[in-house]
Amino acid sequence: MTQTVPVMTGPPPLTLTGPRVTLRAPVDADARARMALGYDPGILQAYGQDIAATAAFTPERSESWLAEQRGAGAWMITVDDVLIGTVRLHSPVEADRRAQIAIGLLDATQLGRGFGTEALRLVIDHAFDGLNLHRLSLRVLADNTRAIRCYARLGFVEEGRERQSARVPDGWQDDLIMGLLAADWDGGAA
């Protein structure tokens, strides 16, 4: 039986588990965990955010962040039950069996260890095998070379460039549009 593309809001439908990473629905304790992580300047820069203009992560801001994650249908990326980031499918188009994917690692000490790649593999497998999607796409700042390399290793290809589409602290940055077709997905073995 072919499953249709669900509305991708609210809590994620299931827990996804890999060798080192677990993706689960948000829980109340995630607000405290997010507040403890605060903001890392390198991560903020990778997302094109102005470090000086970023408000402190207060308890209220943490609760608001958690509500946003719940409303967006995000999975919490955890390693040994510790929150390190979020990943979600969003902007589905049921008629075309496509959606967008977004990931954000929040703990700078966990970058470069393959946790984001593993989390993406789990969601991509779920999207293509569980939800029967035909394609996934994403946007990434053109200077975020670490993320671009990760996406390319998973099989995403650059499909376009939106010139000066992202306002960053020192001006404008291009966004790359990358896509992956179900027919091209090999489990990210590359």
Foldseek 3Di string as FASTA:
>chain_A
DAAFADAQFAAAPDWFDDPFKIWGTDDPCQLVLLLVLWADVVLCVQVQEDPVPDDRSDSVNSVVVNVVCRGRRWTFIDGPNHGFWIKGWHDDDRVQLETEIDIGGRHPVCPPVCSVLRVVLRVVCCSCVVNVGFKYKYKGWPPSVSVVVSVVLQPWDFDDKDFQPDQHPVGGTIITMTMDGSVRGPSSPD
